[in-house]
Amino acid sequence: MSDNTQAGGAITQVAPPHGKTAAFFILTFGTFVVGTGEFAIMGMLPEFATSLRLSVADAGYVITAYALGVVIGAPLITILGARLSRRELLLVLLLLFCFGNILSIVMPTPGLVEVARFITGLPHGALFGISALVGASMVERARRGWAVGRVLSGIAIATLIGAPFSTFAANHLGWRMAYLTIAILGFVTFLGVWRYIPADPPNRQNSPFREVSAMGNVQVLLTLLTAAIGFGGMFTIYTYLTSVLQNVTHVPEWESMVYMVVWGAGMLAGANAGAWLVDRNLDLAALIALAGSAAAMLVFPYILHSQIALMVDVFLVPTFVNALGPALQTRLMDFAGDAQTLAASLNHSAFNIANAVGAAGGSFLLARQFGYGALGWGGALFSAGGLIVYLLALLMLKKHVRESI
């Protein structure tokens, strides 16, 4: 282990016990499994609604329940686990994730399923945030963007492989079987973290509120607000994409899965492109992601009846939106100071605020008969709002630098 503490927070470069390749693989696999647990419901929403005798709009609130679990769980678990090492905390979080998915399977009513999904969401934000920090701790500072992008690319792979497979499993075996598979994969991840992730020393003297007191940096807060707003448009569209394909574009069931795979490919492309650009110009990466996603969503209402044009847009929307992830995660590392773990976790809490608000926004538009095309306009407003917040953050930073000279 080399003592290479990086500016802007104590991220020390560490050597994994069985090499970086294995460590990065298990971290990426973990974000893939947890990402699949989050996105699976969106592809199998029609089957889920039918199984529980709900409308698609009402079934969408189970997504909101999960997202609220993430929002509450990220800061709560990070504070309660302040004295644990990152490896120890990852292991605890994975066990809670597995328990939540098993609970989702056995709950008999929609209300109890929502409670189970809320519990499953509790470890989500901290899992992603700590995984990104562990990944960044294994490389030099100049490659942080690559490391964060590599770890978080598991989320994109979840939409590319995990979510379509879950849709297939739900349609043929039922949605409960899909969640059982996710729980089993979560336990496999637990074993991988136990073996391959470096055992960093815990800080038993750390105060649970130490990181909270370091969260007063306005740049941290504005970065989190950018995530909470800027990612919302993706969920406004993605939550109801299967319904759009069935009810407007009128594609067969198998072709709906193709669109879901294309969406996942866009997320994977965005994660890699965003990570590459972050190591060159972090702010440019964020601005391109937000402006590009707004433009791609504005096109959405006009191409719903064109299968080819819609498929192109289904690729572009997540490409631009997901390029934002590495930029915001890395920016938080620069400004969070002693609040590294909490800030990293809250980034995914903010992401799931976007999930909850975006899904609820889509439900609002559909319930009031604005039509599926309105999802694109609503999504574009979220991206534009995130862009405005990020520009405000840059202006305030520039002003602060100017005043300190």
Protein backbone atom coordinates (compact mmCIF):
# COMPACT_ATOMS: atom_id res chain seq x y z
CA MET A 1 0.00 0.00 0.00
CA SER A 2 1.37 3.39 -0.93
CA ASP A 3 0.52 6.53 0.97
CA ASN A 4 -0.68 8.64 -1.92
CA THR A 5 -3.28 10.83 -0.32
CA GLN A 6 -5.03 12.96 -2.92
CA ALA A 7 -6.06 16.56 -2.67
CA GLY A 8 -9.66 17.32 -1.89
CA GLY A 9 -10.15 14.27 0.33
CA ALA A 10 -8.27 11.39 1.80
CA ILE A 11 -8.35 8.91 -1.05
CA THR A 12 -5.26 6.75 -0.68
CA GLN A 13 -4.01 4.51 -3.48
CA VAL A 14 -4.20 0.91 -2.25
CA ALA A 15 -3.16 -2.48 -3.61
CA PRO A 16 -5.93 -5.13 -3.85
CA PRO A 17 -4.94 -8.54 -2.38
CA HIS A 18 -5.46 -10.43 -5.66
CA GLY A 19 -4.77 -7.66 -8.18
CA LYS A 20 -6.67 -4.72 -9.63
CA THR A 21 -8.33 -6.73 -12.40
CA ALA A 22 -10.21 -8.99 -9.99
CA ALA A 23 -11.07 -6.08 -7.67
CA PHE A 24 -12.44 -3.90 -10.47
CA PHE A 25 -14.37 -6.86 -11.86
CA ILE A 26 -16.18 -7.57 -8.59
CA LEU A 27 -16.93 -3.87 -8.02
CA THR A 28 -18.36 -3.58 -11.53
CA PHE A 29 -20.26 -6.84 -11.09
CA GLY A 30 -21.72 -5.46 -7.87
CA THR A 31 -22.99 -2.27 -9.51
CA PHE A 32 -24.38 -4.46 -12.30
CA VAL A 33 -26.35 -6.59 -9.83
CA VAL A 34 -27.65 -3.64 -7.82
CA GLY A 35 -28.38 -1.71 -11.02
CA THR A 36 -30.35 -4.68 -12.33
CA GLY A 37 -32.31 -4.71 -9.08
CA GLU A 38 -33.20 -1.06 -9.66
CA PHE A 39 -33.98 -1.12 -13.38
CA ALA A 40 -35.59 -4.57 -13.66
CA ILE A 41 -39.02 -3.34 -12.59
CA MET A 42 -39.15 -0.82 -15.44
CA GLY A 43 -38.93 -3.45 -18.14
CA MET A 44 -41.36 -5.81 -16.44
CA LEU A 45 -43.80 -3.14 -15.24
CA PRO A 46 -46.74 -4.36 -17.39
CA GLU A 47 -46.38 -7.96 -16.10
CA PHE A 48 -45.89 -6.71 -12.55
CA ALA A 49 -49.03 -4.56 -12.78
CA THR A 50 -51.08 -7.45 -14.19
CA SER A 51 -49.84 -9.84 -11.50
CA LEU A 52 -50.88 -7.50 -8.68
CA ARG A 53 -54.03 -6.23 -10.47
CA LEU A 54 -52.79 -2.65 -10.76
CA SER A 55 -52.80 -0.07 -13.53
CA VAL A 56 -49.40 0.68 -15.05
CA ALA A 57 -49.52 4.18 -13.55
CA ASP A 58 -50.23 2.82 -10.04
CA ALA A 59 -47.59 0.11 -10.41
CA GLY A 60 -45.06 2.86 -11.13
CA TYR A 61 -45.18 3.88 -7.47
CA VAL A 62 -43.24 0.75 -6.50
CA ILE A 63 -40.35 2.42 -8.35
CA THR A 64 -40.87 5.54 -6.28
CA ALA A 65 -40.79 3.44 -3.09
CA TYR A 66 -37.40 1.96 -4.03
CA ALA A 67 -36.04 5.38 -4.94
CA LEU A 68 -37.18 6.84 -1.62
CA GLY A 69 -35.37 4.01 0.14
CA VAL A 70 -32.19 5.06 -1.65
CA VAL A 71 -32.72 8.72 -0.76
CA ILE A 72 -33.16 7.95 2.94
CA GLY A 73 -30.72 5.05 3.17
CA ALA A 74 -27.68 6.70 1.59
CA PRO A 75 -27.07 9.34 4.29
CA LEU A 76 -28.49 7.25 7.15
CA ILE A 77 -26.37 4.15 6.52
CA THR A 78 -23.25 6.19 5.77
CA ILE A 79 -23.57 8.01 9.10
CA LEU A 80 -24.34 4.84 11.09
CA GLY A 81 -21.44 3.03 9.42
CA ALA A 82 -18.92 5.83 9.83
CA ARG A 83 -16.65 3.72 12.07
CA LEU A 84 -16.59 0.74 9.69
CA SER A 85 -14.01 0.26 6.98
CA ARG A 86 -15.27 0.62 3.41
CA ARG A 87 -14.92 -3.12 2.84
CA GLU A 88 -16.86 -3.92 6.02
CA LEU A 89 -19.61 -1.52 5.05
CA LEU A 90 -19.86 -2.96 1.55
CA LEU A 91 -20.38 -6.44 3.02
CA VAL A 92 -23.15 -5.24 5.37
CA LEU A 93 -24.86 -3.36 2.55
CA LEU A 94 -24.82 -6.38 0.24
CA LEU A 95 -26.48 -8.54 2.90
CA LEU A 96 -29.22 -5.93 3.33
CA PHE A 97 -29.69 -5.78 -0.45
CA CYS A 98 -30.12 -9.58 -0.64
CA PHE A 99 -32.58 -9.54 2.28
CA GLY A 100 -34.68 -6.82 0.61
CA ASN A 101 -34.96 -8.75 -2.65
CA ILE A 102 -35.99 -11.94 -0.84
CA LEU A 103 -38.57 -9.92 1.08
CA SER A 104 -39.94 -8.57 -2.22
CA ILE A 105 -40.59 -12.12 -3.37
CA VAL A 106 -42.65 -13.23 -0.36
CA MET A 107 -44.81 -10.12 0.12
CA PRO A 108 -48.40 -10.89 -1.01
CA THR A 109 -49.93 -7.44 -1.55
CA PRO A 110 -48.91 -4.31 -3.52
CA GLY A 111 -48.49 -2.26 -0.33
CA LEU A 112 -46.19 -4.80 1.27
CA VAL A 113 -44.19 -5.16 -1.96
CA GLU A 114 -43.67 -1.40 -1.88
CA VAL A 115 -42.37 -1.68 1.69
CA ALA A 116 -40.00 -4.46 0.60
CA ARG A 117 -38.74 -2.39 -2.32
CA PHE A 118 -38.19 0.56 0.04
CA ILE A 119 -36.02 -1.68 2.26
CA THR A 120 -34.13 -2.98 -0.78
CA GLY A 121 -33.35 0.59 -1.80
CA LEU A 122 -31.80 1.52 1.56
CA PRO A 123 -28.26 0.19 0.82
CA HIS A 124 -28.28 1.23 -2.85
CA GLY A 125 -26.74 4.70 -2.70
CA ALA A 126 -24.02 3.79 -0.22
CA LEU A 127 -23.15 0.66 -2.26
CA PHE A 128 -22.58 2.66 -5.42
CA GLY A 129 -20.84 5.55 -3.69
CA ILE A 130 -18.43 3.42 -1.67
CA SER A 131 -17.72 1.18 -4.68
CA ALA A 132 -16.74 4.27 -6.69
CA LEU A 133 -14.46 5.48 -3.87
CA VAL A 134 -12.80 2.07 -3.55
CA GLY A 135 -12.23 2.02 -7.31
CA ALA A 136 -10.73 5.53 -7.27
CA SER A 137 -8.48 4.55 -4.34
CA MET A 138 -6.81 1.86 -6.46
CA VAL A 139 -5.51 4.23 -9.19
CA GLU A 140 -3.55 7.45 -9.41
CA ARG A 141 -5.41 10.76 -9.34
CA ALA A 142 -5.17 11.35 -13.10
CA ARG A 143 -7.16 8.16 -13.76
CA ARG A 144 -9.99 8.75 -11.28
CA GLY A 145 -12.48 9.40 -14.06
CA TRP A 146 -11.57 6.09 -15.69
CA ALA A 147 -11.85 4.21 -12.38
CA VAL A 148 -15.21 5.72 -11.46
CA GLY A 149 -16.51 5.12 -14.97
CA ARG A 150 -15.29 1.52 -14.89
CA VAL A 151 -17.04 0.76 -11.59
CA LEU A 152 -20.26 2.58 -12.47
CA SER A 153 -20.38 1.03 -15.95
CA GLY A 154 -22.01 -1.92 -14.18
CA ILE A 155 -25.15 0.22 -13.99
CA ALA A 156 -25.13 0.59 -17.77
CA ILE A 157 -24.47 -3.11 -18.25
CA ALA A 158 -27.49 -3.71 -16.02
CA THR A 159 -29.69 -1.89 -18.51
CA LEU A 160 -27.97 -3.62 -21.43
CA ILE A 161 -28.16 -7.19 -20.09
CA GLY A 162 -29.75 -7.36 -16.64
CA ALA A 163 -32.96 -5.43 -17.28
CA PRO A 164 -33.80 -7.16 -20.62
CA PHE A 165 -33.11 -10.55 -19.04
CA SER A 166 -35.36 -9.60 -16.12
CA THR A 167 -38.09 -8.61 -18.57
CA PHE A 168 -37.73 -11.99 -20.28
CA ALA A 169 -37.75 -13.84 -16.95
CA ALA A 170 -40.78 -11.90 -15.74
CA ASN A 171 -42.75 -12.60 -18.91
CA HIS A 172 -42.00 -16.35 -18.82
CA LEU A 173 -41.36 -17.18 -15.13
CA GLY A 174 -42.90 -14.27 -13.24
CA TRP A 175 -41.39 -11.15 -11.69
CA ARG A 176 -40.73 -12.88 -8.36
CA MET A 177 -38.31 -15.30 -10.04
CA ALA A 178 -36.45 -12.34 -11.51
CA TYR A 179 -35.93 -10.87 -8.02
CA LEU A 180 -34.83 -14.26 -6.67
CA THR A 181 -32.10 -14.37 -9.31
CA ILE A 182 -30.99 -10.87 -8.35
CA ALA A 183 -30.79 -11.88 -4.68
CA ILE A 184 -28.60 -14.88 -5.54
CA LEU A 185 -26.28 -12.69 -7.63
CA GLY A 186 -26.12 -10.25 -4.71
CA PHE A 187 -24.78 -13.03 -2.47
CA VAL A 188 -22.21 -13.95 -5.14
CA THR A 189 -21.08 -10.30 -5.02
CA PHE A 190 -20.81 -10.53 -1.23
CA LEU A 191 -18.39 -13.44 -1.58
CA GLY A 192 -16.38 -11.57 -4.22
CA VAL A 193 -16.03 -8.45 -2.06
CA TRP A 194 -14.96 -10.64 0.87
CA ARG A 195 -12.12 -12.13 -1.20
CA TYR A 196 -10.97 -9.47 -3.67
CA ILE A 197 -11.51 -6.02 -2.14
CA PRO A 198 -8.64 -4.63 -0.02
CA ALA A 199 -9.25 -4.70 3.73
CA ASP A 200 -8.77 -1.03 4.54
CA PRO A 201 -8.37 -0.20 8.26
CA PRO A 202 -11.58 1.02 9.95
CA ASN A 203 -11.60 4.36 11.74
CA ARG A 204 -13.08 3.35 15.10
CA GLN A 205 -12.50 6.86 16.46
CA ASN A 206 -14.48 8.55 13.69
CA SER A 207 -17.56 10.48 14.75
CA PRO A 208 -20.73 9.49 12.85
CA PHE A 209 -21.42 13.18 12.32
CA ARG A 210 -17.95 14.17 11.18
CA GLU A 211 -18.84 13.82 7.52
CA VAL A 212 -22.13 15.66 8.01
CA SER A 213 -20.29 18.71 9.33
CA ALA A 214 -18.12 18.71 6.21
CA MET A 215 -21.11 18.86 3.88
CA GLY A 216 -21.55 22.61 4.03
CA ASN A 217 -19.60 23.25 0.82
CA VAL A 218 -21.96 24.96 -1.62
CA GLN A 219 -20.25 23.28 -4.57
CA VAL A 220 -21.07 19.85 -3.10
CA LEU A 221 -24.69 20.85 -2.59
CA LEU A 222 -25.05 22.27 -6.11
CA THR A 223 -23.44 19.17 -7.60
CA LEU A 224 -25.95 16.98 -5.75
CA LEU A 225 -28.80 19.25 -6.89
CA THR A 226 -27.59 18.91 -10.48
CA ALA A 227 -27.87 15.13 -10.13
CA ALA A 228 -31.30 15.29 -8.47
CA ILE A 229 -32.70 17.35 -11.34
CA GLY A 230 -30.53 16.47 -14.32
CA PHE A 231 -31.07 12.69 -14.22
CA GLY A 232 -34.85 13.04 -13.84
CA GLY A 233 -35.64 13.18 -17.54
CA MET A 234 -34.09 9.77 -18.17
CA PHE A 235 -36.53 8.17 -15.73
CA THR A 236 -39.48 10.13 -17.08
CA ILE A 237 -38.95 8.32 -20.39
CA TYR A 238 -37.37 5.01 -19.36
CA THR A 239 -40.03 4.13 -16.77
CA TYR A 240 -42.71 4.06 -19.45
CA LEU A 241 -40.66 3.06 -22.47
CA THR A 242 -42.15 -0.44 -22.61
CA SER A 243 -45.66 1.05 -22.50
CA VAL A 244 -44.75 3.50 -25.28
CA LEU A 245 -43.48 0.67 -27.46
CA GLN A 246 -46.61 -1.40 -26.87
CA ASN A 247 -49.26 1.32 -27.07
CA VAL A 248 -47.86 3.89 -29.52
CA THR A 249 -45.11 2.37 -31.64
CA HIS A 250 -46.90 -1.03 -31.61
CA VAL A 251 -43.83 -3.25 -31.72
CA PRO A 252 -44.05 -6.96 -30.86
CA GLU A 253 -42.92 -8.15 -27.43
CA TRP A 254 -39.57 -9.48 -28.63
CA GLU A 255 -38.77 -6.18 -30.32
CA SER A 256 -39.44 -4.28 -27.10
CA MET A 257 -36.53 -6.19 -25.62
CA VAL A 258 -34.35 -5.01 -28.51
CA TYR A 259 -35.14 -1.40 -27.59
CA MET A 260 -34.25 -2.10 -23.97
CA VAL A 261 -30.92 -3.54 -25.08
CA VAL A 262 -30.30 -0.46 -27.25
CA TRP A 263 -31.06 1.74 -24.22
CA GLY A 264 -28.51 -0.23 -22.20
CA ALA A 265 -25.95 0.12 -24.99
CA GLY A 266 -26.49 3.87 -24.86
CA MET A 267 -25.91 3.92 -21.10
CA LEU A 268 -22.72 1.91 -21.50
CA ALA A 269 -21.49 4.20 -24.27
CA GLY A 270 -22.29 7.23 -22.11
CA ALA A 271 -20.45 5.85 -19.08
CA ASN A 272 -17.31 5.22 -21.12
CA ALA A 273 -17.46 8.47 -23.08
CA GLY A 274 -18.15 10.45 -19.91
CA ALA A 275 -15.26 8.81 -18.05
CA TRP A 276 -12.89 9.50 -20.95
CA LEU A 277 -13.91 13.14 -21.13
CA VAL A 278 -13.79 13.66 -17.34
CA ASP A 279 -10.05 12.90 -17.26
CA ARG A 280 -9.62 15.65 -19.87
CA ASN A 281 -12.20 18.31 -18.98
CA LEU A 282 -14.65 17.55 -16.18
CA ASP A 283 -16.90 20.60 -16.59
CA LEU A 284 -17.15 20.15 -20.36
CA ALA A 285 -18.23 16.55 -19.82
CA ALA A 286 -21.08 17.65 -17.55
CA LEU A 287 -22.24 20.46 -19.85
CA ILE A 288 -22.26 18.26 -22.95
CA ALA A 289 -24.19 15.55 -21.09
CA LEU A 290 -26.91 17.90 -19.87
CA ALA A 291 -27.34 19.91 -23.06
CA GLY A 292 -27.20 16.82 -25.28
CA SER A 293 -29.79 14.94 -23.22
CA ALA A 294 -32.20 17.90 -23.33
CA ALA A 295 -31.93 18.02 -27.12
CA ALA A 296 -32.42 14.25 -27.49
CA MET A 297 -35.54 14.36 -25.29
CA LEU A 298 -37.06 17.26 -27.21
CA VAL A 299 -37.03 15.04 -30.31
CA PHE A 300 -38.80 12.16 -28.53
CA PRO A 301 -42.46 13.26 -29.02
CA TYR A 302 -42.05 13.59 -32.79
CA ILE A 303 -40.63 10.13 -33.56
CA LEU A 304 -42.82 7.75 -31.57
CA HIS A 305 -44.34 6.26 -34.72
CA SER A 306 -41.00 5.73 -36.46
CA GLN A 307 -39.29 2.58 -35.23
CA ILE A 308 -35.88 3.47 -36.67
CA ALA A 309 -35.86 7.09 -35.48
CA LEU A 310 -37.12 6.05 -32.04
CA MET A 311 -34.39 3.43 -31.75
CA VAL A 312 -31.75 6.07 -32.51
CA ASP A 313 -33.20 8.37 -29.85
CA VAL A 314 -33.48 5.48 -27.38
CA PHE A 315 -29.71 5.16 -27.78
CA LEU A 316 -28.90 8.89 -27.61
CA VAL A 317 -30.95 9.80 -24.52
CA PRO A 318 -29.14 7.44 -22.12
CA THR A 319 -25.79 8.08 -23.83
CA PHE A 320 -25.92 11.77 -22.95
CA VAL A 321 -27.55 11.35 -19.54
CA ASN A 322 -25.22 8.62 -18.30
CA ALA A 323 -22.14 10.59 -19.38
CA LEU A 324 -23.08 12.89 -16.50
CA GLY A 325 -22.45 10.22 -13.83
CA PRO A 326 -18.62 10.07 -13.83
CA ALA A 327 -18.43 13.86 -14.00
CA LEU A 328 -20.58 14.46 -10.93
CA GLN A 329 -19.01 11.61 -8.93
CA THR A 330 -15.50 12.93 -9.64
CA ARG A 331 -16.50 16.53 -8.95
CA LEU A 332 -17.74 15.49 -5.51
CA MET A 333 -14.32 13.94 -4.79
CA ASP A 334 -12.76 17.33 -5.54
CA PHE A 335 -14.99 19.36 -3.22
CA ALA A 336 -16.21 16.99 -0.48
CA GLY A 337 -13.11 17.19 1.73
CA ASP A 338 -13.66 14.98 4.81
CA ALA A 339 -17.15 14.04 3.57
CA GLN A 340 -15.94 11.71 0.82
CA THR A 341 -18.07 8.69 1.73
CA LEU A 342 -21.21 10.65 2.51
CA ALA A 343 -20.92 12.80 -0.62
CA ALA A 344 -20.33 9.77 -2.84
CA SER A 345 -23.36 8.04 -1.34
CA LEU A 346 -25.54 11.13 -1.57
CA ASN A 347 -24.76 11.39 -5.27
CA HIS A 348 -26.73 8.19 -5.77
CA SER A 349 -29.34 9.40 -3.32
CA ALA A 350 -29.73 12.44 -5.56
CA PHE A 351 -29.80 10.12 -8.59
CA ASN A 352 -32.75 8.33 -7.05
CA ILE A 353 -34.50 11.54 -6.14
CA ALA A 354 -34.34 12.01 -9.89
CA ASN A 355 -35.68 8.47 -10.28
CA ALA A 356 -38.61 9.15 -7.95
CA VAL A 357 -39.39 12.59 -9.35
CA GLY A 358 -38.92 11.50 -12.95
CA ALA A 359 -41.17 8.44 -12.59
CA ALA A 360 -43.77 10.44 -10.67
CA GLY A 361 -43.59 13.19 -13.29
CA GLY A 362 -44.29 10.66 -16.00
CA SER A 363 -47.22 9.27 -13.99
CA PHE A 364 -48.55 12.81 -13.58
CA LEU A 365 -48.41 13.51 -17.32
CA LEU A 366 -50.02 10.20 -18.27
CA ALA A 367 -52.71 10.32 -15.60
CA ARG A 368 -53.80 13.74 -16.90
CA GLN A 369 -54.03 12.47 -20.47
CA PHE A 370 -51.17 14.51 -21.91
CA GLY A 371 -50.11 11.43 -23.85
CA TYR A 372 -46.85 9.53 -24.15
CA GLY A 373 -45.25 12.22 -26.28
CA ALA A 374 -45.33 14.60 -23.32
CA LEU A 375 -42.75 12.39 -21.58
CA GLY A 376 -40.11 13.87 -23.89
CA TRP A 377 -41.03 17.47 -23.05
CA GLY A 378 -41.07 16.68 -19.34
CA GLY A 379 -37.70 14.94 -19.59
CA ALA A 380 -36.15 17.87 -21.44
CA LEU A 381 -37.24 20.23 -18.66
CA PHE A 382 -35.37 18.11 -16.10
CA SER A 383 -32.16 18.13 -18.17
CA ALA A 384 -32.43 21.88 -18.75
CA GLY A 385 -32.94 22.42 -15.02
CA GLY A 386 -29.82 20.40 -14.23
CA LEU A 387 -27.87 22.43 -16.78
CA ILE A 388 -28.95 25.70 -15.16
CA VAL A 389 -27.89 24.48 -11.70
CA TYR A 390 -24.49 23.33 -12.98
CA LEU A 391 -23.87 26.66 -14.71
CA LEU A 392 -24.77 28.40 -11.45
CA ALA A 393 -22.21 26.24 -9.63
CA LEU A 394 -19.51 27.25 -12.14
CA LEU A 395 -20.39 30.93 -11.84
CA MET A 396 -20.27 30.81 -8.03
CA LEU A 397 -16.94 28.98 -8.12
CA LYS A 398 -15.50 31.53 -10.53
CA LYS A 399 -16.70 34.34 -8.28
CA HIS A 400 -15.19 32.69 -5.19
CA VAL A 401 -11.83 32.25 -6.92
CA ARG A 402 -11.87 35.86 -8.10
CA GLU A 403 -12.67 37.17 -4.60
CA SER A 404 -9.94 35.05 -2.99
CA ILE A 405 -7.20 36.49 -5.21
